[in-house]
Structure formats: structure tokens, C-alpha cells
Amino acid sequence: MQNTLPNKIKTISEFHQLRGLPQPKYPLISVVRFEEFQALREKGTEILLFDFYAISLKRGMNHHYKYGQRNYEYDFNNGIMFYMAPNQLLSVEVDDPASRPNGWMLMIHPDFIWNTSLATNIKKYDFFDYSANEALFLSEDEEATLNQLIVNIQKEYNNPIDTFSQAIIISQLETLFNYSERFYQRQFITRQKVNHEILDRLEDILNQQTEDEFLLSQGIPSVQDISEKLNVSTGYLRNLLKQLTGLSTQQHIHEKLISKAKEKLSTTNLTVSEIAYHLGFEQPQSFSRLFKNKTNQSPLEFREKFN
């Protein structure tokens, strides 16, 4: 089963065939139980690339997954929920081919939500960009709530199709995603130890990447740079920082640069242009605009206080 090239799954029917499941009742949406999957036959790594959305709640997972374009590793033994958007890689490392999880997987082809309210609204749910180490840890009550929504979707899915079928399922999907959003916000609060560890690491990274030598050689760190150093997605980091500090990642970077600028303006004889250069700005005007925007005074006005 070892293969370094992804197996591109274009349709939900193809995934059903891959896992030894009966063909889906409808081609654009399906709910399946992991207990029904055909057991994998050998150890190794399987890399999948879906052309559709996939939402899963797993328990008893004895395989290891690498999820997202950057393939962060996470062990799903604890039972959690994760969300995949089209064209995200899923790498499955199989240690025990006979072992299977329990739980469910909901697959939604983008064509199913086309021309509905969800087609636009689905873009606001950042958890579709989250990496596996940012998966959703559910309490028993939260899991029961989401499981009931899946039961409702599956019940409608199994009913004879009529003019109301799609609208009812879309409504249930939006409710599922809104509850997921609520539970993610709760997770930002309840996982304080993990979250504050990220804040501590963010401070260390910003200190390292705003040293003169780094800024001169690499330039001002980007939000993407910081996120990759922390092994989280840009969307997750933005939401986490907004929840904990009220500032975005970009604002944290700017705050650190302004702090360094104030130090240089008050303790050195470097010109404003030289300070801008030391801080990684290509144009002194860009530095001066940022400084005034953050402090309501120009760099020279700030320096005059110390003369």
C-alpha cells in the first residue's frame, strides 16, 4: 500500500468503492459509518486527495493521520472531529490493518451546495482550513448534539427525494457547522494550557525573528511564516489570538516591530531611515506610516521626548 503519490478521489462514489461500501444513494452527499468500512489489507501509508468536503467524528482510531497541505501528524485515538475541504491531502499511516475506528463520515460534493446559502457561508468556517492538531475535541454533550444532527441528515437522506430534500439537508448542515463553530470557540477557552503555550512560543518566535540580523537577512516575518513555525494554520492562529488577546497575528508582529523601533529611537543615534532598514522595511516611508498609525506620532516626534 506504500505510495508517495496521492490517490485523487474525484467523486463520493469512488470513495465508497475504495472502502468497499455500497454505492451512495445520491452522488453528491453521503453519510457512512466507519464500522462498515472494509478493513485495510496491509501496513503502510495511503495518501488521499478529495474533490469534496469531508467531516468526520472518529473514536478508537489506531491509525495515524497527517491532515492538510502541510501534513501535520495527529493520533486520533482519543476520538475527535475534523473537517476537510476539497483538495486537502489526507495521509493515513496504517499500523494495524485489521483495526477500524467507530464513528461517522459525512461527504458533501461542492455541487450539492451550489446555488444555496451554504455555498457562500461555508467560506466563513475557518475550521475547514485547520490542521489536524487543531481538530475539535468534543465533550460528551457536544458529541451527542452533533451525532443527533447526523442522524437527522441521514434520516432525510434515506427518505424519498422531493423538492424539500436539499433545503432540509442544507439547513441541517448549517446547524452542524454553527455548532462546530461554537464548540471551537469553547475549545479556545477551555484548552488554556495548550493555548498559552502557543502564546509563549509566539513570543519566542517573534523575539527571534525581530532580531536585527534576522530582519536584515529575511525581512519582516509574515503571518504565514509565524503560523508555520507554530505548526498551526493561519486561520486557527488568527482566531486563537483574537480570543486570547484581541489582536490578530499581523497586529502582534506590528506591536513587536514598534517596540523594537521605540527602543532604537530612544537609545541610539540611528536615523529613521537606518532604523527602518534595520527593522526589515524596504521603504522608510512604510515604517513611518506604521509607527504613526500605532502611536499617533511620527518617529521623530517620539524621539524628541528623549532629547
Protein backbone atom coordinates (compact mmCIF):
# COMPACT_ATOMS: atom_id res chain seq x y z
CA MET A 1 0.00 0.00 0.00
CA GLN A 2 3.05 2.29 0.25
CA ASN A 3 2.66 5.07 -2.31
CA THR A 4 4.09 8.58 -2.24
CA LEU A 5 1.65 9.85 -4.87
CA PRO A 6 -1.83 10.89 -3.71
CA ASN A 7 -4.84 8.88 -4.80
CA LYS A 8 -7.18 11.57 -6.13
CA ILE A 9 -10.78 10.76 -5.25
CA LYS A 10 -12.99 12.78 -7.60
CA THR A 11 -16.40 11.52 -6.55
CA ILE A 12 -18.11 10.21 -3.45
CA SER A 13 -18.91 7.03 -5.38
CA GLU A 14 -15.17 6.44 -5.89
CA PHE A 15 -14.57 6.70 -2.15
CA HIS A 16 -17.38 4.23 -1.45
CA GLN A 17 -15.77 1.80 -3.89
CA LEU A 18 -12.33 2.33 -2.32
CA ARG A 19 -13.66 1.42 1.15
CA GLY A 20 -15.83 -1.49 -0.01
CA LEU A 21 -19.11 0.30 0.65
CA PRO A 22 -22.35 0.07 -1.37
CA GLN A 23 -22.79 2.86 -3.86
CA PRO A 24 -24.24 6.04 -2.29
CA LYS A 25 -27.95 6.65 -2.65
CA TYR A 26 -27.20 10.10 -4.10
CA PRO A 27 -23.97 11.02 -5.90
CA LEU A 28 -23.40 14.40 -4.20
CA ILE A 29 -23.81 13.58 -0.49
CA SER A 30 -23.31 10.55 1.74
CA VAL A 31 -23.13 9.58 5.40
CA VAL A 32 -21.21 6.41 6.24
CA ARG A 33 -20.17 4.61 9.42
CA PHE A 34 -16.56 3.60 9.91
CA GLU A 35 -17.65 0.25 11.23
CA GLU A 36 -18.88 -0.52 7.71
CA PHE A 37 -15.52 0.15 6.05
CA GLN A 38 -13.67 -2.77 4.54
CA ALA A 39 -10.56 -3.44 6.63
CA LEU A 40 -7.30 -2.32 5.06
CA ARG A 41 -5.24 -5.29 3.95
CA GLU A 42 -1.68 -4.24 4.72
CA LYS A 43 0.50 -1.86 6.67
CA GLY A 44 1.83 1.27 5.03
CA THR A 45 0.82 4.77 4.02
CA GLU A 46 -2.17 5.76 1.95
CA ILE A 47 -2.41 9.35 0.65
CA LEU A 48 -5.82 10.62 -0.43
CA LEU A 49 -6.88 13.85 -2.11
CA PHE A 50 -10.63 14.51 -2.13
CA ASP A 51 -12.59 16.70 -4.55
CA PHE A 52 -15.33 17.12 -1.92
CA TYR A 53 -15.87 18.17 1.70
CA ALA A 54 -15.39 15.50 4.36
CA ILE A 55 -16.41 15.86 8.00
CA SER A 56 -15.57 13.03 10.39
CA LEU A 57 -16.08 12.09 14.00
CA LYS A 58 -13.78 9.23 14.98
CA ARG A 59 -13.25 7.12 18.06
CA GLY A 60 -10.97 4.14 18.64
CA MET A 61 -8.64 5.17 15.82
CA ASN A 62 -5.46 3.07 15.79
CA HIS A 63 -4.04 4.57 12.61
CA HIS A 64 -2.10 7.82 12.41
CA TYR A 65 -3.22 10.64 10.17
CA LYS A 66 -1.45 13.52 8.53
CA TYR A 67 -4.01 16.07 7.50
CA GLY A 68 -3.80 19.26 5.42
CA GLN A 69 -1.39 20.54 2.82
CA ARG A 70 1.45 20.71 5.38
CA ASN A 71 0.68 17.23 6.74
CA TYR A 72 0.90 17.72 10.49
CA GLU A 73 0.68 14.43 12.34
CA TYR A 74 -2.00 13.65 14.85
CA ASP A 75 -3.04 10.47 16.61
CA PHE A 76 -6.82 10.15 16.55
CA ASN A 77 -7.11 7.57 19.32
CA ASN A 78 -8.91 9.99 21.65
CA GLY A 79 -11.92 10.48 19.43
CA ILE A 80 -12.28 13.89 17.87
CA MET A 81 -13.80 15.68 14.92
CA PHE A 82 -12.04 17.12 11.93
CA TYR A 83 -13.00 18.88 8.73
CA MET A 84 -11.55 18.65 5.23
CA ALA A 85 -12.19 20.98 2.31
CA PRO A 86 -11.71 19.88 -1.31
CA ASN A 87 -8.08 19.45 -2.43
CA GLN A 88 -6.63 18.87 1.04
CA LEU A 89 -4.30 15.91 1.49
CA LEU A 90 -5.06 13.13 3.94
CA SER A 91 -2.24 10.69 4.68
CA VAL A 92 -3.17 7.50 6.55
CA GLU A 93 -0.37 5.56 8.24
CA VAL A 94 -1.67 2.05 8.92
CA ASP A 95 -0.07 0.14 11.80
CA ASP A 96 -2.78 -2.49 12.28
CA PRO A 97 -4.74 -3.25 9.08
CA ALA A 98 -7.44 -5.14 10.99
CA SER A 99 -8.24 -2.24 13.29
CA ARG A 100 -11.08 0.12 12.41
CA PRO A 101 -12.49 3.16 14.20
CA ASN A 102 -16.09 3.83 15.02
CA GLY A 103 -17.96 7.00 14.26
CA TRP A 104 -19.16 8.56 11.02
CA MET A 105 -18.03 10.41 7.93
CA LEU A 106 -20.14 12.95 6.07
CA MET A 107 -19.14 13.69 2.46
CA ILE A 108 -20.53 16.68 0.56
CA HIS A 109 -19.69 17.46 -3.04
CA PRO A 110 -19.47 21.23 -3.75
CA ASP A 111 -22.19 20.82 -6.41
CA PHE A 112 -24.66 19.82 -3.68
CA ILE A 113 -24.45 23.24 -2.01
CA TRP A 114 -24.22 25.22 -5.25
CA ASN A 115 -26.80 28.00 -5.52
CA THR A 116 -27.72 27.72 -1.82
CA SER A 117 -26.95 29.95 1.16
CA LEU A 118 -24.28 27.48 2.27
CA ALA A 119 -22.29 27.95 -0.96
CA THR A 120 -21.25 31.38 0.30
CA ASN A 121 -21.46 30.80 4.05
CA ILE A 122 -19.20 27.74 4.08
CA LYS A 123 -16.24 30.04 3.39
CA LYS A 124 -16.65 31.69 6.79
CA TYR A 125 -15.99 28.47 8.69
CA ASP A 126 -12.26 28.61 9.35
CA PHE A 127 -12.12 25.07 10.70
CA PHE A 128 -12.07 23.76 7.11
CA ASP A 129 -8.56 25.28 6.94
CA TYR A 130 -7.42 23.91 10.29
CA SER A 131 -4.72 21.30 10.56
CA ALA A 132 -5.24 18.01 12.36
CA ASN A 133 -3.53 19.18 15.54
CA GLU A 134 -6.29 21.80 15.59
CA ALA A 135 -9.06 19.22 15.47
CA LEU A 136 -12.17 19.62 17.60
CA PHE A 137 -12.15 17.84 20.98
CA LEU A 138 -15.75 17.21 22.00
CA SER A 139 -17.39 16.76 25.38
CA GLU A 140 -19.99 14.00 25.66
CA ASP A 141 -22.84 16.51 25.41
CA GLU A 142 -21.28 18.21 22.39
CA GLU A 143 -20.72 14.90 20.68
CA ALA A 144 -24.33 13.91 21.35
CA THR A 145 -25.54 17.17 19.78
CA LEU A 146 -23.53 16.63 16.59
CA ASN A 147 -24.44 12.95 16.43
CA GLN A 148 -28.13 13.85 16.54
CA LEU A 149 -27.68 16.26 13.63
CA ILE A 150 -26.04 13.48 11.62
CA VAL A 151 -28.97 11.20 12.47
CA ASN A 152 -31.32 13.91 11.16
CA ILE A 153 -29.29 14.28 7.96
CA GLN A 154 -29.15 10.54 7.45
CA LYS A 155 -32.90 10.23 8.04
CA GLU A 156 -33.62 12.86 5.38
CA TYR A 157 -31.02 11.27 3.10
CA ASN A 158 -32.89 7.95 3.32
CA ASN A 159 -36.31 9.49 2.69
CA PRO A 160 -37.72 9.54 -0.87
CA ILE A 161 -36.33 12.65 -2.58
CA ASP A 162 -38.70 15.56 -3.15
CA THR A 163 -38.49 19.33 -3.68
CA PHE A 164 -37.77 19.92 0.02
CA SER A 165 -34.96 17.38 0.46
CA GLN A 166 -31.98 19.58 -0.42
CA ALA A 167 -33.23 22.59 1.56
CA ILE A 168 -33.79 20.47 4.69
CA ILE A 169 -30.33 18.89 4.47
CA ILE A 170 -28.69 22.27 3.82
CA SER A 171 -30.42 23.64 6.93
CA GLN A 172 -29.12 20.70 8.98
CA LEU A 173 -25.60 21.20 7.59
CA GLU A 174 -25.61 24.88 8.53
CA THR A 175 -26.73 23.94 12.04
CA LEU A 176 -23.95 21.34 12.24
CA PHE A 177 -21.34 23.91 11.19
CA ASN A 178 -22.68 26.59 13.52
CA TYR A 179 -22.48 24.21 16.47
CA SER A 180 -18.96 23.28 15.38
CA GLU A 181 -18.03 26.96 15.34
CA ARG A 182 -19.44 27.37 18.86
CA PHE A 183 -17.52 24.35 20.12
CA TYR A 184 -14.28 25.61 18.57
CA GLN A 185 -14.70 28.93 20.37
CA ARG A 186 -15.24 26.97 23.59
CA GLN A 187 -12.09 25.00 22.86
CA PHE A 188 -10.04 28.20 22.63
CA ILE A 189 -11.13 28.98 26.20
CA THR A 190 -11.03 25.54 27.85
CA ARG A 191 -7.70 24.44 26.38
CA GLN A 192 -5.96 27.32 28.13
CA LYS A 193 -2.73 25.45 28.89
CA VAL A 194 -2.21 24.47 25.25
CA ASN A 195 -3.27 27.90 24.02
CA HIS A 196 -1.00 29.77 26.39
CA GLU A 197 1.87 27.52 25.38
CA ILE A 198 1.24 28.74 21.83
CA LEU A 199 1.33 32.34 23.11
CA ASP A 200 4.67 31.68 24.83
CA ARG A 201 6.08 30.12 21.67
CA LEU A 202 4.73 33.03 19.61
CA GLU A 203 6.60 35.46 21.84
CA ASP A 204 9.83 33.46 21.48
CA ILE A 205 9.47 33.28 17.69
CA LEU A 206 8.73 36.99 17.39
CA ASN A 207 11.74 37.80 19.55
CA GLN A 208 13.96 35.64 17.33
CA GLN A 209 12.55 36.93 14.06
CA THR A 210 12.76 40.60 15.00
CA GLU A 211 16.45 40.48 15.85
CA ASP A 212 18.44 42.84 13.61
CA GLU A 213 20.36 40.02 11.94
CA PHE A 214 17.18 38.13 11.06
CA LEU A 215 15.31 41.20 9.80
CA LEU A 216 18.27 42.31 7.67
CA SER A 217 18.60 38.90 6.02
CA GLN A 218 15.00 37.65 5.93
CA GLY A 219 12.84 40.77 6.17
CA ILE A 220 9.73 41.24 8.28
CA PRO A 221 8.14 37.86 9.17
CA SER A 222 4.80 37.16 7.56
CA VAL A 223 1.69 35.69 9.17
CA GLN A 224 2.35 32.52 7.15
CA ASP A 225 5.93 32.34 8.49
CA ILE A 226 4.78 32.60 12.08
CA SER A 227 1.98 30.07 11.62
CA GLU A 228 4.34 27.51 10.09
CA LYS A 229 6.79 27.95 12.97
CA LEU A 230 3.95 27.25 15.39
CA ASN A 231 2.64 24.30 13.34
CA VAL A 232 -0.86 25.78 13.13
CA SER A 233 -2.83 27.24 10.25
CA THR A 234 -3.12 30.98 9.74
CA GLY A 235 -6.88 30.87 10.36
CA TYR A 236 -6.57 28.95 13.62
CA LEU A 237 -3.83 31.26 14.91
CA ARG A 238 -5.85 34.35 14.00
CA ASN A 239 -8.93 33.08 15.83
CA LEU A 240 -6.94 31.91 18.84
CA LEU A 241 -5.11 35.23 19.23
CA LYS A 242 -8.31 37.22 18.78
CA GLN A 243 -9.92 35.15 21.53
CA LEU A 244 -6.97 35.40 23.95
CA THR A 245 -5.52 38.84 23.23
CA GLY A 246 -7.94 40.73 20.99
CA LEU A 247 -5.16 41.18 18.41
CA SER A 248 -4.60 39.46 15.08
CA THR A 249 -1.30 37.76 14.18
CA GLN A 250 -0.37 40.72 11.97
CA GLN A 251 -1.03 43.10 14.85
CA HIS A 252 1.26 41.05 17.11
CA ILE A 253 4.02 41.32 14.51
CA HIS A 254 3.49 45.08 14.22
CA GLU A 255 3.45 45.52 18.00
CA LYS A 256 6.81 43.76 18.26
CA LEU A 257 8.29 45.93 15.48
CA ILE A 258 7.03 49.11 17.11
CA SER A 259 8.54 48.02 20.43
CA LYS A 260 11.91 47.48 18.74
CA ALA A 261 11.59 50.82 16.95
CA LYS A 262 10.91 52.68 20.19
CA GLU A 263 13.99 51.09 21.73
CA LYS A 264 16.19 52.22 18.84
CA LEU A 265 14.67 55.70 18.70
CA SER A 266 15.23 56.26 22.42
CA THR A 267 18.66 54.64 22.89
CA THR A 268 20.59 55.10 19.60
CA ASN A 269 21.56 57.87 17.18
CA LEU A 270 20.42 55.91 14.14
CA THR A 271 18.40 57.90 11.63
CA VAL A 272 14.78 57.00 10.97
CA SER A 273 15.82 55.55 7.60
CA GLU A 274 18.52 53.43 9.24
CA ILE A 275 16.07 52.15 11.85
CA ALA A 276 13.58 51.30 9.13
CA TYR A 277 16.31 49.35 7.31
CA HIS A 278 17.33 47.50 10.49
CA LEU A 279 13.69 46.52 11.06
CA GLY A 280 13.34 44.98 7.59
CA PHE A 281 11.39 47.77 5.87
CA GLU A 282 12.30 48.35 2.24
CA GLN A 283 10.98 51.91 2.34
CA PRO A 284 11.40 54.32 5.32
CA GLN A 285 8.00 55.80 4.46
CA SER A 286 6.34 52.46 5.16
CA PHE A 287 7.96 52.32 8.58
CA SER A 288 6.99 55.91 9.41
CA ARG A 289 3.37 55.31 8.38
CA LEU A 290 3.12 52.18 10.54
CA PHE A 291 4.75 53.93 13.51
CA LYS A 292 2.39 56.90 13.33
CA ASN A 293 -0.61 54.63 12.85
CA LYS A 294 0.29 52.69 16.01
CA THR A 295 1.49 55.57 18.24
CA ASN A 296 -0.25 58.68 16.84
CA GLN A 297 3.13 60.35 16.45
CA SER A 298 5.97 60.25 13.97
CA PRO A 299 9.27 58.55 14.81
CA LEU A 300 10.96 61.95 15.15
CA GLU A 301 8.20 63.24 17.44
CA PHE A 302 8.68 60.18 19.63
CA ARG A 303 12.48 60.69 19.70
CA GLU A 304 12.17 64.34 20.74
CA LYS A 305 10.81 63.20 24.12
CA PHE A 306 14.25 61.76 24.93
CA ASN A 307 16.35 64.76 23.85
